[in-house]
Amino acid sequence: MFINCTRRNINAISVFITFVIFLIMDLVCINFLNSTSLNNNKLESNGQNTILIDSVKIDNIKNYTLQNGETIWSLKIPKINLKALIAEGTEDDVLCNYIGHFSNTGIINGNVGLAAHNRGYEKNYFKDIKKLELNDEIIYNYKNIEKVYKVSKIEEINSDDWSLLDVSRENKITLITCIENEPKKRLCVQGIEINNGGI
């Protein structure tokens, strides 16, 4: 009986050691494959987890740039010297570092909704959108796609009015920010794509 117990213990220990060895080998292989594929895809990240361009998930995009310096997701407005990266979501941690993308709006076609701070934070990307006028140019980049819009509407909206972010067959961009000393109001600047049947 003692011999049977000892054999069982030895068998259990052997199974456990084998399991640990396979687990360690598995982890080493996964790390090797990840580092190899990241090197092959030539993608860098600035302080965020690096992901592959070809399999990028929208909700993970933060501050990614290609090695040639080209940004994956950005907004430029020449009139107010704005050039900034866009990230998914409009939560505080996003808006403190990026222009935020409203998750329920378009990425490339339809109505692309964006938000940013305009004062009181380290990065106030929309601080000057109140200076925009009709027909001013807005340039939006997503990966290798560039879209150019002309401002077609500037209006104050109620803070609970999200109708200007509704789905649209027309390609447009909608920029939303707060209005100083008016917590129940928002400033909305909307543009229509000019190279796709717009203005």
C-alpha atoms as a PDB file:
ATOM      1  CA  MET A   1       0.000   0.000   0.000  1.00  0.00           C
ATOM      2  CA  PHE A   2       2.842   2.404   0.843  1.00  0.00           C
ATOM      3  CA  ILE A   3       4.433   1.678  -2.563  1.00  0.00           C
ATOM      4  CA  ASN A   4       1.147   2.515  -4.367  1.00  0.00           C
ATOM      5  CA  CYS A   5       0.880   5.845  -2.505  1.00  0.00           C
ATOM      6  CA  THR A   6       4.456   6.713  -3.388  1.00  0.00           C
ATOM      7  CA  ARG A   7       3.894   5.855  -7.046  1.00  0.00           C
ATOM      8  CA  ARG A   8       0.759   8.029  -7.073  1.00  0.00           C
ATOM      9  CA  ASN A   9       2.687  10.928  -5.545  1.00  0.00           C
ATOM     10  CA  ILE A  10       5.525  10.517  -8.054  1.00  0.00           C
ATOM     11  CA  ASN A  11       3.013  10.384 -10.928  1.00  0.00           C
ATOM     12  CA  ALA A  12       1.218  13.509  -9.644  1.00  0.00           C
ATOM     13  CA  ILE A  13       4.507  15.391  -9.275  1.00  0.00           C
ATOM     14  CA  SER A  14       5.584  14.304 -12.774  1.00  0.00           C
ATOM     15  CA  VAL A  15       2.308  15.523 -14.274  1.00  0.00           C
ATOM     16  CA  PHE A  16       2.623  18.851 -12.441  1.00  0.00           C
ATOM     17  CA  ILE A  17       6.250  19.383 -13.556  1.00  0.00           C
ATOM     18  CA  THR A  18       5.335  18.521 -17.154  1.00  0.00           C
ATOM     19  CA  PHE A  19       2.460  21.017 -17.041  1.00  0.00           C
ATOM     20  CA  VAL A  20       4.736  23.802 -15.701  1.00  0.00           C
ATOM     21  CA  ILE A  21       7.370  23.108 -18.394  1.00  0.00           C
ATOM     22  CA  PHE A  22       4.755  23.278 -21.171  1.00  0.00           C
ATOM     23  CA  LEU A  23       3.328  26.501 -19.709  1.00  0.00           C
ATOM     24  CA  ILE A  24       6.760  28.162 -19.661  1.00  0.00           C
ATOM     25  CA  MET A  25       7.497  27.028 -23.231  1.00  0.00           C
ATOM     26  CA  ASP A  26       4.115  28.361 -24.352  1.00  0.00           C
ATOM     27  CA  LEU A  27       4.782  31.802 -22.856  1.00  0.00           C
ATOM     28  CA  VAL A  28       8.260  31.986 -24.425  1.00  0.00           C
ATOM     29  CA  CYS A  29       6.848  31.089 -27.874  1.00  0.00           C
ATOM     30  CA  ILE A  30       4.034  33.672 -27.618  1.00  0.00           C
ATOM     31  CA  ASN A  31       6.466  36.460 -26.661  1.00  0.00           C
ATOM     32  CA  PHE A  32       8.803  35.497 -29.506  1.00  0.00           C
ATOM     33  CA  LEU A  33       5.982  35.468 -32.085  1.00  0.00           C
ATOM     34  CA  ASN A  34       4.624  38.830 -30.894  1.00  0.00           C
ATOM     35  CA  SER A  35       7.995  40.549 -31.074  1.00  0.00           C
ATOM     36  CA  THR A  36       8.711  39.044 -34.510  1.00  0.00           C
ATOM     37  CA  SER A  37       5.420  40.133 -36.056  1.00  0.00           C
ATOM     38  CA  LEU A  38       5.700  43.650 -34.609  1.00  0.00           C
ATOM     39  CA  ASN A  39       9.175  44.039 -36.132  1.00  0.00           C
ATOM     40  CA  ASN A  40       7.939  42.810 -39.505  1.00  0.00           C
ATOM     41  CA  ASN A  41       5.029  45.281 -39.553  1.00  0.00           C
ATOM     42  CA  LYS A  42       7.266  48.275 -38.713  1.00  0.00           C
ATOM     43  CA  LEU A  43       4.838  49.919 -36.317  1.00  0.00           C
ATOM     44  CA  GLU A  44       5.797  52.049 -33.352  1.00  0.00           C
ATOM     45  CA  SER A  45       3.686  53.355 -30.510  1.00  0.00           C
ATOM     46  CA  ASN A  46       4.135  56.396 -28.326  1.00  0.00           C
ATOM     47  CA  GLY A  47       3.451  55.120 -24.811  1.00  0.00           C
ATOM     48  CA  GLN A  48       0.668  52.694 -25.706  1.00  0.00           C
ATOM     49  CA  ASN A  49       0.459  48.977 -26.470  1.00  0.00           C
ATOM     50  CA  THR A  50       1.631  48.382 -30.041  1.00  0.00           C
ATOM     51  CA  ILE A  51      -0.756  46.663 -32.441  1.00  0.00           C
ATOM     52  CA  LEU A  52      -0.534  45.556 -36.059  1.00  0.00           C
ATOM     53  CA  ILE A  53      -1.784  48.017 -38.643  1.00  0.00           C
ATOM     54  CA  ASP A  54      -3.544  45.395 -40.746  1.00  0.00           C
ATOM     55  CA  SER A  55      -5.480  43.982 -37.807  1.00  0.00           C
ATOM     56  CA  VAL A  56      -5.962  47.184 -35.823  1.00  0.00           C
ATOM     57  CA  LYS A  57      -9.115  47.400 -33.730  1.00  0.00           C
ATOM     58  CA  ILE A  58     -10.740  50.822 -33.680  1.00  0.00           C
ATOM     59  CA  ASP A  59     -11.306  50.815 -29.923  1.00  0.00           C
ATOM     60  CA  ASN A  60      -7.580  50.286 -29.294  1.00  0.00           C
ATOM     61  CA  ILE A  61      -6.195  53.139 -31.387  1.00  0.00           C
ATOM     62  CA  LYS A  62      -4.463  55.740 -29.254  1.00  0.00           C
ATOM     63  CA  ASN A  63      -1.268  57.433 -30.339  1.00  0.00           C
ATOM     64  CA  TYR A  64       0.108  55.243 -33.104  1.00  0.00           C
ATOM     65  CA  THR A  65       2.518  56.418 -35.787  1.00  0.00           C
ATOM     66  CA  LEU A  66       4.273  54.686 -38.645  1.00  0.00           C
ATOM     67  CA  GLN A  67       8.077  54.790 -38.718  1.00  0.00           C
ATOM     68  CA  ASN A  68       7.932  57.491 -41.407  1.00  0.00           C
ATOM     69  CA  GLY A  69       6.077  59.726 -38.936  1.00  0.00           C
ATOM     70  CA  GLU A  70       2.685  59.455 -40.637  1.00  0.00           C
ATOM     71  CA  THR A  71      -0.144  59.285 -38.139  1.00  0.00           C
ATOM     72  CA  ILE A  72      -2.891  56.700 -38.392  1.00  0.00           C
ATOM     73  CA  TRP A  73      -5.751  58.895 -37.123  1.00  0.00           C
ATOM     74  CA  SER A  74      -5.566  62.691 -37.031  1.00  0.00           C
ATOM     75  CA  LEU A  75      -7.324  66.009 -37.611  1.00  0.00           C
ATOM     76  CA  LYS A  76      -5.938  69.210 -39.146  1.00  0.00           C
ATOM     77  CA  ILE A  77      -7.628  72.600 -39.363  1.00  0.00           C
ATOM     78  CA  PRO A  78      -5.234  75.009 -41.120  1.00  0.00           C
ATOM     79  CA  LYS A  79      -7.061  78.238 -40.199  1.00  0.00           C
ATOM     80  CA  ILE A  80      -6.535  77.688 -36.463  1.00  0.00           C
ATOM     81  CA  ASN A  81      -3.201  75.811 -36.755  1.00  0.00           C
ATOM     82  CA  LEU A  82      -4.690  72.640 -35.308  1.00  0.00           C
ATOM     83  CA  LYS A  83      -2.998  69.287 -35.865  1.00  0.00           C
ATOM     84  CA  ALA A  84      -3.818  66.541 -33.378  1.00  0.00           C
ATOM     85  CA  LEU A  85      -4.223  62.795 -33.017  1.00  0.00           C
ATOM     86  CA  ILE A  86      -7.633  61.186 -32.615  1.00  0.00           C
ATOM     87  CA  ALA A  87      -8.451  58.337 -30.223  1.00  0.00           C
ATOM     88  CA  GLU A  88     -11.567  56.230 -29.732  1.00  0.00           C
ATOM     89  CA  GLY A  89     -14.054  57.398 -27.091  1.00  0.00           C
ATOM     90  CA  THR A  90     -14.895  60.627 -25.300  1.00  0.00           C
ATOM     91  CA  GLU A  91     -13.981  59.632 -21.747  1.00  0.00           C
ATOM     92  CA  ASP A  92     -11.825  61.970 -19.638  1.00  0.00           C
ATOM     93  CA  ASP A  93      -8.615  59.969 -20.099  1.00  0.00           C
ATOM     94  CA  VAL A  94      -9.022  60.185 -23.878  1.00  0.00           C
ATOM     95  CA  LEU A  95      -9.927  63.888 -24.053  1.00  0.00           C
ATOM     96  CA  CYS A  96      -6.997  64.826 -21.807  1.00  0.00           C
ATOM     97  CA  ASN A  97      -4.590  63.599 -24.503  1.00  0.00           C
ATOM     98  CA  TYR A  98      -6.415  63.420 -27.837  1.00  0.00           C
ATOM     99  CA  ILE A  99      -9.392  64.492 -29.859  1.00  0.00           C
ATOM    100  CA  GLY A 100     -12.038  61.919 -29.005  1.00  0.00           C
ATOM    101  CA  HIS A 101     -14.156  60.006 -31.503  1.00  0.00           C
ATOM    102  CA  PHE A 102     -17.818  59.374 -30.664  1.00  0.00           C
ATOM    103  CA  SER A 103     -17.955  55.584 -30.886  1.00  0.00           C
ATOM    104  CA  ASN A 104     -21.436  55.472 -32.432  1.00  0.00           C
ATOM    105  CA  THR A 105     -20.474  57.698 -35.387  1.00  0.00           C
ATOM    106  CA  GLY A 106     -18.697  57.039 -38.691  1.00  0.00           C
ATOM    107  CA  ILE A 107     -14.995  56.369 -39.038  1.00  0.00           C
ATOM    108  CA  ILE A 108     -14.573  57.001 -42.768  1.00  0.00           C
ATOM    109  CA  ASN A 109     -18.001  57.559 -44.324  1.00  0.00           C
ATOM    110  CA  GLY A 110     -21.188  59.077 -42.997  1.00  0.00           C
ATOM    111  CA  ASN A 111     -21.101  61.413 -40.014  1.00  0.00           C
ATOM    112  CA  VAL A 112     -17.726  61.420 -38.192  1.00  0.00           C
ATOM    113  CA  GLY A 113     -18.267  62.839 -34.693  1.00  0.00           C
ATOM    114  CA  LEU A 114     -15.351  64.288 -32.713  1.00  0.00           C
ATOM    115  CA  ALA A 115     -15.004  66.064 -29.356  1.00  0.00           C
ATOM    116  CA  ALA A 116     -12.206  67.862 -27.497  1.00  0.00           C
ATOM    117  CA  HIS A 117     -11.611  70.285 -24.643  1.00  0.00           C
ATOM    118  CA  ASN A 118     -11.309  74.006 -25.339  1.00  0.00           C
ATOM    119  CA  ARG A 119      -9.928  75.333 -22.031  1.00  0.00           C
ATOM    120  CA  GLY A 120      -8.797  74.321 -18.554  1.00  0.00           C
ATOM    121  CA  TYR A 121      -6.725  71.282 -19.556  1.00  0.00           C
ATOM    122  CA  GLU A 122      -3.162  70.672 -20.710  1.00  0.00           C
ATOM    123  CA  LYS A 123      -4.429  69.820 -24.205  1.00  0.00           C
ATOM    124  CA  ASN A 124      -7.307  72.025 -25.401  1.00  0.00           C
ATOM    125  CA  TYR A 125      -7.458  71.060 -29.055  1.00  0.00           C
ATOM    126  CA  PHE A 126     -10.796  72.768 -29.768  1.00  0.00           C
ATOM    127  CA  LYS A 127      -9.916  76.059 -28.057  1.00  0.00           C
ATOM    128  CA  ASP A 128     -10.120  77.967 -31.338  1.00  0.00           C
ATOM    129  CA  ILE A 129     -12.925  76.227 -33.237  1.00  0.00           C
ATOM    130  CA  LYS A 130     -15.133  79.204 -32.276  1.00  0.00           C
ATOM    131  CA  LYS A 131     -12.993  81.191 -34.766  1.00  0.00           C
ATOM    132  CA  LEU A 132     -14.035  78.989 -37.693  1.00  0.00           C
ATOM    133  CA  GLU A 133     -16.308  80.387 -40.389  1.00  0.00           C
ATOM    134  CA  LEU A 134     -18.357  78.889 -43.186  1.00  0.00           C
ATOM    135  CA  ASN A 135     -16.211  77.268 -45.910  1.00  0.00           C
ATOM    136  CA  ASP A 136     -13.111  76.918 -43.713  1.00  0.00           C
ATOM    137  CA  GLU A 137     -11.241  73.672 -44.400  1.00  0.00           C
ATOM    138  CA  ILE A 138     -11.096  70.639 -42.087  1.00  0.00           C
ATOM    139  CA  ILE A 139      -8.747  67.761 -43.007  1.00  0.00           C
ATOM    140  CA  TYR A 140      -9.369  64.320 -41.511  1.00  0.00           C
ATOM    141  CA  ASN A 141      -6.953  61.381 -41.818  1.00  0.00           C
ATOM    142  CA  TYR A 142      -7.636  57.761 -40.999  1.00  0.00           C
ATOM    143  CA  LYS A 143      -4.821  55.349 -41.898  1.00  0.00           C
ATOM    144  CA  ASN A 144      -4.073  56.096 -45.576  1.00  0.00           C
ATOM    145  CA  ILE A 145      -7.404  57.854 -46.244  1.00  0.00           C
ATOM    146  CA  GLU A 146      -7.630  61.647 -46.257  1.00  0.00           C
ATOM    147  CA  LYS A 147     -10.936  63.496 -46.371  1.00  0.00           C
ATOM    148  CA  VAL A 148     -11.351  67.237 -46.780  1.00  0.00           C
ATOM    149  CA  TYR A 149     -14.431  69.038 -45.490  1.00  0.00           C
ATOM    150  CA  LYS A 150     -15.695  72.633 -45.664  1.00  0.00           C
ATOM    151  CA  VAL A 151     -17.491  74.117 -42.679  1.00  0.00           C
ATOM    152  CA  SER A 152     -21.214  74.216 -43.504  1.00  0.00           C
ATOM    153  CA  LYS A 153     -22.822  74.827 -40.100  1.00  0.00           C
ATOM    154  CA  ILE A 154     -21.853  76.516 -36.836  1.00  0.00           C
ATOM    155  CA  GLU A 155     -24.377  76.489 -34.033  1.00  0.00           C
ATOM    156  CA  GLU A 156     -24.901  76.290 -30.310  1.00  0.00           C
ATOM    157  CA  ILE A 157     -26.768  73.205 -29.174  1.00  0.00           C
ATOM    158  CA  ASN A 158     -28.133  71.985 -25.853  1.00  0.00           C
ATOM    159  CA  SER A 159     -25.784  69.669 -23.948  1.00  0.00           C
ATOM    160  CA  ASP A 160     -28.336  66.840 -24.240  1.00  0.00           C
ATOM    161  CA  ASP A 161     -29.015  67.340 -27.964  1.00  0.00           C
ATOM    162  CA  TRP A 162     -27.070  64.723 -29.906  1.00  0.00           C
ATOM    163  CA  SER A 163     -29.099  64.964 -33.116  1.00  0.00           C
ATOM    164  CA  LEU A 164     -26.208  66.463 -35.102  1.00  0.00           C
ATOM    165  CA  LEU A 165     -24.328  63.198 -34.543  1.00  0.00           C
ATOM    166  CA  ASP A 166     -27.075  61.152 -36.203  1.00  0.00           C
ATOM    167  CA  VAL A 167     -26.192  58.672 -38.945  1.00  0.00           C
ATOM    168  CA  SER A 168     -25.968  60.370 -42.336  1.00  0.00           C
ATOM    169  CA  ARG A 169     -25.752  59.216 -45.951  1.00  0.00           C
ATOM    170  CA  GLU A 170     -23.876  62.431 -46.630  1.00  0.00           C
ATOM    171  CA  ASN A 171     -20.199  62.434 -45.661  1.00  0.00           C
ATOM    172  CA  LYS A 172     -19.749  65.051 -42.952  1.00  0.00           C
ATOM    173  CA  ILE A 173     -17.685  65.776 -39.880  1.00  0.00           C
ATOM    174  CA  THR A 174     -19.122  67.088 -36.614  1.00  0.00           C
ATOM    175  CA  LEU A 175     -16.918  68.810 -34.011  1.00  0.00           C
ATOM    176  CA  ILE A 176     -18.374  69.393 -30.540  1.00  0.00           C
ATOM    177  CA  THR A 177     -16.949  71.247 -27.525  1.00  0.00           C
ATOM    178  CA  CYS A 178     -18.154  73.064 -24.412  1.00  0.00           C
ATOM    179  CA  ILE A 179     -19.071  76.756 -24.264  1.00  0.00           C
ATOM    180  CA  GLU A 180     -17.459  78.815 -21.526  1.00  0.00           C
ATOM    181  CA  ASN A 181     -19.797  79.644 -18.606  1.00  0.00           C
ATOM    182  CA  GLU A 182     -22.702  77.855 -20.292  1.00  0.00           C
ATOM    183  CA  PRO A 183     -22.701  74.284 -18.896  1.00  0.00           C
ATOM    184  CA  LYS A 184     -25.974  73.407 -20.619  1.00  0.00           C
ATOM    185  CA  LYS A 185     -24.731  74.433 -24.079  1.00  0.00           C
ATOM    186  CA  ARG A 186     -22.235  73.057 -26.587  1.00  0.00           C
ATOM    187  CA  LEU A 187     -20.626  74.563 -29.679  1.00  0.00           C
ATOM    188  CA  CYS A 188     -21.050  72.432 -32.784  1.00  0.00           C
ATOM    189  CA  VAL A 189     -19.106  72.942 -36.017  1.00  0.00           C
ATOM    190  CA  GLN A 190     -20.110  70.718 -38.907  1.00  0.00           C
ATOM    191  CA  GLY A 191     -18.442  70.276 -42.281  1.00  0.00           C
ATOM    192  CA  ILE A 192     -19.428  68.577 -45.560  1.00  0.00           C
ATOM    193  CA  GLU A 193     -16.896  66.555 -47.560  1.00  0.00           C
ATOM    194  CA  ILE A 194     -15.885  68.583 -50.600  1.00  0.00           C
ATOM    195  CA  ASN A 195     -14.472  65.822 -52.831  1.00  0.00           C
ATOM    196  CA  ASN A 196     -17.551  63.633 -52.581  1.00  0.00           C
ATOM    197  CA  GLY A 197     -20.428  65.712 -53.851  1.00  0.00           C
ATOM    198  CA  GLY A 198     -20.274  68.268 -51.030  1.00  0.00           C
ATOM    199  CA  ILE A 199     -19.943  72.053 -51.218  1.00  0.00           C
END
